[in-house]
Protein backbone atom coordinates (compact mmCIF):
# COMPACT_ATOMS: atom_id res chain seq x y z
CA MET A 1 -96.75 -8.68 -29.36
CA PRO A 2 -97.71 -9.01 -33.04
CA GLU A 3 -95.82 -11.59 -35.06
CA THR A 4 -93.35 -10.00 -37.42
CA HIS A 5 -91.89 -13.02 -39.18
CA THR A 6 -92.32 -16.77 -39.51
CA PRO A 7 -88.96 -18.41 -38.72
CA ALA A 8 -89.04 -21.54 -36.60
CA ALA A 9 -88.69 -20.89 -32.89
CA GLY A 10 -85.10 -20.93 -31.78
CA ASP A 11 -83.74 -20.81 -35.32
CA ASP A 12 -81.91 -17.49 -35.62
CA ASN A 13 -80.99 -18.24 -39.22
CA ALA A 14 -84.50 -19.09 -40.41
CA GLY A 15 -85.61 -16.68 -43.07
CA ASP A 16 -82.11 -15.33 -43.67
CA ASP A 17 -82.60 -15.78 -47.40
CA ASP A 18 -85.99 -14.00 -47.35
CA VAL A 19 -85.50 -10.24 -47.51
CA VAL A 20 -89.14 -9.60 -46.64
CA SER A 21 -88.90 -11.63 -43.43
CA LEU A 22 -85.76 -9.73 -42.45
CA LEU A 23 -87.40 -6.37 -43.07
CA MET A 24 -90.54 -7.39 -41.19
CA ARG A 25 -88.39 -8.49 -38.25
CA GLN A 26 -86.70 -5.10 -38.27
CA HIS A 27 -90.11 -3.43 -38.22
CA GLY A 28 -90.83 -5.51 -35.12
CA ASP A 29 -87.50 -4.53 -33.56
CA ILE A 30 -88.31 -0.86 -34.19
CA ARG A 31 -91.73 -1.24 -32.53
CA ASN A 32 -90.07 -2.92 -29.55
CA LEU A 33 -87.53 -0.13 -29.22
CA PHE A 34 -90.31 2.49 -29.29
CA ASP A 35 -91.93 0.53 -26.43
CA GLU A 36 -88.65 0.49 -24.53
CA VAL A 37 -88.12 4.24 -24.93
CA GLU A 38 -91.70 4.99 -23.86
CA GLN A 39 -91.58 2.71 -20.82
CA SER A 40 -88.19 3.74 -19.46
CA GLU A 41 -86.77 6.85 -17.82
CA GLY A 42 -83.46 8.63 -17.32
CA ASP A 43 -80.34 6.89 -18.62
CA GLU A 44 -82.31 3.82 -19.71
CA ARG A 45 -84.54 6.00 -21.90
CA ARG A 46 -81.51 7.82 -23.36
CA ASP A 47 -79.81 4.52 -24.17
CA ALA A 48 -82.95 3.02 -25.72
CA PHE A 49 -83.51 6.18 -27.78
CA ARG A 50 -79.92 6.10 -29.09
CA ARG A 51 -80.46 2.50 -30.21
CA LEU A 52 -83.77 3.48 -31.83
CA VAL A 53 -82.16 6.37 -33.74
CA ARG A 54 -79.37 4.08 -34.89
CA LEU A 55 -81.70 1.30 -36.03
CA LEU A 56 -84.03 3.70 -37.83
CA ALA A 57 -81.10 5.28 -39.66
CA VAL A 58 -79.66 1.96 -40.77
CA HIS A 59 -83.05 0.41 -41.61
CA GLU A 60 -84.07 3.34 -43.81
CA THR A 61 -80.67 3.38 -45.50
CA ALA A 62 -80.98 -0.34 -46.27
CA GLU A 63 -84.43 0.19 -47.72
CA GLU A 64 -83.16 3.07 -49.87
CA GLU A 65 -80.38 0.82 -51.20
CA VAL A 66 -82.27 -2.51 -51.44
CA VAL A 67 -86.05 -2.09 -51.52
CA HIS A 68 -86.61 1.16 -53.38
CA PRO A 69 -84.44 0.33 -56.43
CA PHE A 70 -86.29 -2.97 -56.86
CA ALA A 71 -89.67 -1.23 -56.44
CA ARG A 72 -88.79 1.45 -59.00
CA ARG A 73 -87.84 -1.17 -61.60
CA SER A 74 -90.36 -3.90 -60.89
CA LEU A 75 -93.64 -2.50 -59.55
CA PRO A 76 -96.38 -0.96 -61.63
CA GLY A 77 -96.18 2.72 -60.75
CA GLY A 78 -92.96 2.00 -58.87
CA GLU A 79 -91.58 5.53 -59.21
CA GLN A 80 -94.64 6.97 -57.42
CA VAL A 81 -94.65 4.23 -54.77
CA VAL A 82 -91.03 5.05 -53.95
CA ALA A 83 -91.64 8.82 -54.06
CA ASP A 84 -94.45 8.38 -51.51
CA ARG A 85 -92.25 6.28 -49.20
CA LEU A 86 -89.39 8.81 -49.45
CA ALA A 87 -91.77 11.65 -48.54
CA GLU A 88 -92.87 9.69 -45.46
CA GLU A 89 -89.25 9.02 -44.55
CA ARG A 90 -88.35 12.72 -44.88
CA ALA A 91 -91.17 13.73 -42.53
CA ALA A 92 -90.09 11.10 -39.99
CA LYS A 93 -86.44 12.18 -40.25
CA GLU A 94 -87.42 15.79 -39.52
CA THR A 95 -89.29 14.72 -36.38
CA LEU A 96 -86.41 12.46 -35.40
CA ALA A 97 -83.91 15.30 -35.85
CA ALA A 98 -86.01 17.52 -33.56
CA LEU A 99 -86.15 14.75 -30.95
CA ASP A 100 -82.44 14.06 -31.26
CA VAL A 101 -81.53 17.52 -29.92
CA MET A 102 -83.96 17.26 -26.99
CA ASP A 103 -83.22 15.80 -23.60
CA THR A 104 -85.22 12.59 -23.26
CA ASP A 105 -86.44 13.86 -19.86
CA ASP A 106 -87.92 17.00 -21.43
CA PRO A 107 -91.74 16.99 -20.93
CA LYS A 108 -92.16 17.65 -24.68
CA PHE A 109 -90.07 14.59 -25.63
CA LEU A 110 -92.64 11.84 -25.09
CA PRO A 111 -95.50 13.52 -27.02
CA ARG A 112 -93.15 14.10 -29.96
CA LEU A 113 -91.88 10.53 -29.71
CA LEU A 114 -95.47 9.27 -29.87
CA ALA A 115 -96.08 11.38 -32.99
CA LEU A 116 -92.90 9.93 -34.55
CA ARG A 117 -94.03 6.43 -33.66
CA ALA A 118 -97.39 6.96 -35.39
CA ASP A 119 -95.59 8.24 -38.52
CA VAL A 120 -93.08 5.38 -38.52
CA GLN A 121 -95.82 2.78 -38.07
CA ALA A 122 -97.90 4.26 -40.91
CA HIS A 123 -94.77 4.26 -43.09
CA ALA A 124 -94.01 0.63 -42.21
CA ARG A 125 -97.57 -0.44 -43.08
CA ALA A 126 -97.30 1.35 -46.43
CA GLU A 127 -93.98 -0.37 -47.17
CA GLU A 128 -95.44 -3.75 -46.29
CA ARG A 129 -98.50 -3.15 -48.46
CA TYR A 130 -97.02 -1.38 -51.46
CA GLU A 131 -93.46 -2.75 -51.63
CA PHE A 132 -92.79 -5.87 -49.57
CA ILE A 133 -95.69 -7.93 -50.90
CA HIS A 134 -94.58 -7.21 -54.48
CA ILE A 135 -90.96 -8.08 -53.69
CA ARG A 136 -92.00 -11.48 -52.43
CA ARG A 137 -94.19 -12.05 -55.51
CA GLY A 138 -91.83 -10.61 -58.10
CA ALA A 139 -88.31 -11.61 -57.10
CA ASP A 140 -86.80 -15.02 -57.68
CA ALA A 141 -84.91 -16.89 -54.96
CA ALA A 142 -81.51 -15.59 -56.08
CA LYS A 143 -82.70 -11.96 -56.02
CA LEU A 144 -84.37 -12.43 -52.62
CA ALA A 145 -81.12 -13.88 -51.30
CA SER A 146 -79.06 -11.02 -52.74
CA MET A 147 -81.40 -8.44 -51.23
CA ALA A 148 -81.34 -10.30 -47.89
CA ARG A 149 -77.53 -10.11 -47.87
CA GLY A 150 -77.77 -6.35 -48.30
CA VAL A 151 -80.24 -5.96 -45.44
CA LYS A 152 -78.16 -8.21 -43.16
CA ALA A 153 -75.05 -6.15 -43.92
CA ALA A 154 -76.97 -3.02 -42.95
CA GLU A 155 -78.38 -4.65 -39.83
CA ALA A 156 -74.88 -5.49 -38.65
CA MET A 157 -74.18 -1.74 -38.58
CA ALA A 158 -76.91 -1.13 -35.96
CA PRO A 159 -77.44 -3.92 -33.46
CA THR A 160 -80.45 -3.31 -31.21
CA ARG A 161 -78.26 -4.13 -28.22
CA PRO A 162 -74.77 -2.69 -27.71
CA HIS A 163 -71.88 -5.01 -28.46
CA PRO A 164 -70.29 -6.71 -25.43
CA GLY A 165 -67.80 -4.37 -23.84
CA VAL A 166 -69.72 -1.30 -24.99
CA GLU A 167 -71.55 -0.52 -21.79
CA SER A 168 -73.84 2.27 -22.95
CA ALA A 169 -75.55 3.20 -26.16
CA ALA A 170 -74.06 6.68 -25.81
CA THR A 171 -70.60 5.11 -26.03
CA HIS A 172 -71.85 2.90 -28.87
CA MET A 173 -73.01 6.00 -30.75
CA ALA A 174 -69.57 7.52 -30.34
CA LEU A 175 -68.45 5.00 -32.96
CA GLY A 176 -69.74 7.54 -35.48
CA PRO A 177 -72.48 10.09 -36.09
CA VAL A 178 -75.67 9.01 -37.82
CA THR A 179 -74.70 10.53 -41.18
CA ALA A 180 -71.41 8.65 -41.21
CA LEU A 181 -73.27 5.51 -40.14
CA MET A 182 -75.63 5.88 -43.10
CA ASP A 183 -72.66 6.23 -45.47
CA ARG A 184 -70.98 3.14 -44.00
CA THR A 185 -74.28 1.29 -44.25
CA LYS A 186 -74.62 2.15 -47.95
CA ASP A 187 -71.09 0.86 -48.57
CA ALA A 188 -71.76 -2.36 -46.63
CA VAL A 189 -75.04 -3.00 -48.45
CA ARG A 190 -73.49 -2.46 -51.88
CA LYS A 191 -70.56 -4.70 -51.06
CA ALA A 192 -72.81 -7.47 -49.68
CA MET A 193 -75.12 -7.39 -52.70
CA GLY A 194 -72.24 -7.33 -55.16
CA ALA A 195 -72.77 -6.70 -58.83
CA ASP A 196 -76.27 -8.22 -58.74
CA GLY A 197 -77.65 -5.47 -56.44
């Protein structure tokens, strides 16, 4: 498995004040969930796919609220960089929406999932290359910490494993549809970042 961040082993809080490390870890979590969906069947695949949909929705919302505004303001050509990332996200969301109405046992599901995975991975590489590296170079420690708080608030909205007592991801998803989740995520990110967001 490729390394996605550099915190010390066993230290769950390492890197918590580094927004780039948090985002890179989420990219790793997304890759792992794609693996889980691909390698499972039946109810396990459905549950893993629900978690993947949830994490993708929350991750992209956090990036829209945290990463893209910084990129627009701070990167040379930031408006175009963000426009390109948003176009990639739109294409992935369209594929995800098509998958979301399919049964995960449908023979057409896995090929479409693999196409989505390729798009999501290309998008993640572009973010890492055109946004994340510039965030780390261009933001001071206070800004990195503020942005990290926003991402952590978003992450809390979409754990990759269901909370204890929530036995299935389908039940977990019943906590709210994806659109409502994205709205709650935006609110949580803005509150966590405060006036300095």
